[in-house]
C-alpha atoms as a PDB file:
ATOM      1  CA  MET A   1      86.794 107.032 189.040  1.00  0.00           C
ATOM      2  CA  GLN A   2      87.149 104.770 186.043  1.00  0.00           C
ATOM      3  CA  ASN A   3      90.503 103.903 184.558  1.00  0.00           C
ATOM      4  CA  LYS A   4      90.360 105.167 181.007  1.00  0.00           C
ATOM      5  CA  LYS A   5      92.383 103.468 178.322  1.00  0.00           C
ATOM      6  CA  ARG A   6      95.006 105.718 176.844  1.00  0.00           C
ATOM      7  CA  LEU A   7      96.872 105.131 173.626  1.00  0.00           C
ATOM      8  CA  HIS A   8     100.604 105.460 174.217  1.00  0.00           C
ATOM      9  CA  LYS A   9     103.904 103.921 173.149  1.00  0.00           C
ATOM     10  CA  SER A  10     104.960 100.929 175.204  1.00  0.00           C
ATOM     11  CA  LYS A  11     108.207 100.960 177.158  1.00  0.00           C
ATOM     12  CA  THR A  12     108.127  97.227 177.911  1.00  0.00           C
ATOM     13  CA  ASP A  13     106.928  95.764 174.592  1.00  0.00           C
ATOM     14  CA  ASN A  14     108.954  97.669 172.031  1.00  0.00           C
ATOM     15  CA  LYS A  15     111.194  96.759 169.140  1.00  0.00           C
ATOM     16  CA  ILE A  16     111.845 100.155 167.558  1.00  0.00           C
ATOM     17  CA  PHE A  17     109.583 102.898 168.952  1.00  0.00           C
ATOM     18  CA  GLY A  18     106.991 100.913 170.922  1.00  0.00           C
ATOM     19  CA  VAL A  19     104.087 101.751 168.620  1.00  0.00           C
ATOM     20  CA  CYS A  20     102.961  98.156 168.057  1.00  0.00           C
ATOM     21  CA  GLY A  21     103.281  97.331 171.738  1.00  0.00           C
ATOM     22  CA  GLY A  22     101.176 100.345 172.653  1.00  0.00           C
ATOM     23  CA  LEU A  23      98.514  99.482 170.100  1.00  0.00           C
ATOM     24  CA  GLY A  24      98.489  95.891 171.360  1.00  0.00           C
ATOM     25  CA  GLU A  25      97.975  97.052 174.944  1.00  0.00           C
ATOM     26  CA  TYR A  26      95.225  99.457 173.890  1.00  0.00           C
ATOM     27  CA  PHE A  27      93.265  96.887 171.872  1.00  0.00           C
ATOM     28  CA  ASN A  28      94.143  94.066 174.318  1.00  0.00           C
ATOM     29  CA  ILE A  29      95.733  91.812 171.676  1.00  0.00           C
ATOM     30  CA  ASN A  30      99.222  90.466 171.181  1.00  0.00           C
ATOM     31  CA  SER A  31     101.567  93.024 169.615  1.00  0.00           C
ATOM     32  CA  VAL A  32     102.841  90.387 167.169  1.00  0.00           C
ATOM     33  CA  TRP A  33      99.504  90.609 165.338  1.00  0.00           C
ATOM     34  CA  ILE A  34      99.885  94.393 165.070  1.00  0.00           C
ATOM     35  CA  ARG A  35     103.391  93.947 163.645  1.00  0.00           C
ATOM     36  CA  ILE A  36     102.101  91.423 161.096  1.00  0.00           C
ATOM     37  CA  ILE A  37      99.357  93.842 160.039  1.00  0.00           C
ATOM     38  CA  PHE A  38     101.912  96.653 159.583  1.00  0.00           C
ATOM     39  CA  CYS A  39     104.100  94.339 157.460  1.00  0.00           C
ATOM     40  CA  ILE A  40     101.175  93.288 155.279  1.00  0.00           C
ATOM     41  CA  VAL A  41     100.090  96.890 154.772  1.00  0.00           C
ATOM     42  CA  PHE A  42     103.681  97.871 153.990  1.00  0.00           C
ATOM     43  CA  PHE A  43     104.341  95.147 151.420  1.00  0.00           C
ATOM     44  CA  PHE A  44     100.948  95.132 149.707  1.00  0.00           C
ATOM     45  CA  TYR A  45      99.801  98.739 149.958  1.00  0.00           C
ATOM     46  CA  GLY A  46     102.980 100.693 150.707  1.00  0.00           C
ATOM     47  CA  GLY A  47     101.506 102.817 153.481  1.00  0.00           C
ATOM     48  CA  GLY A  48     102.528 100.785 156.508  1.00  0.00           C
ATOM     49  CA  LEU A  49     105.872 102.492 157.007  1.00  0.00           C
ATOM     50  CA  LEU A  50     104.393 105.956 156.651  1.00  0.00           C
ATOM     51  CA  LEU A  51     101.596 105.121 159.088  1.00  0.00           C
ATOM     52  CA  TYR A  52     104.091 103.654 161.558  1.00  0.00           C
ATOM     53  CA  LEU A  53     106.316 106.744 161.406  1.00  0.00           C
ATOM     54  CA  ILE A  54     103.362 109.078 161.891  1.00  0.00           C
ATOM     55  CA  LEU A  55     102.241 107.091 164.929  1.00  0.00           C
ATOM     56  CA  ALA A  56     105.808 106.944 166.277  1.00  0.00           C
ATOM     57  CA  PHE A  57     106.067 110.711 166.384  1.00  0.00           C
ATOM     58  CA  CYS A  58     102.455 111.504 167.372  1.00  0.00           C
ATOM     59  CA  MET A  59     101.797 108.928 170.100  1.00  0.00           C
ATOM     60  CA  PRO A  60     102.766 110.028 173.615  1.00  0.00           C
ATOM     61  CA  ASP A  61     105.234 108.050 175.702  1.00  0.00           C
ATOM     62  CA  GLU A  62     104.057 105.803 178.491  1.00  0.00           C
END
């Protein structure tokens, strides 16, 4: 049986809710890059915080 990737919040790589850590594990990149992307989207487009909060409440725990 194959190990399927699952999107979930990270318990080990978290700052607030673990959303960026979970996305980093899923896409196999450093979570710092995900955090930078959320900050850029927040400051330039205004939707980063809303997107983060939606993911924080919709993503399952690890």
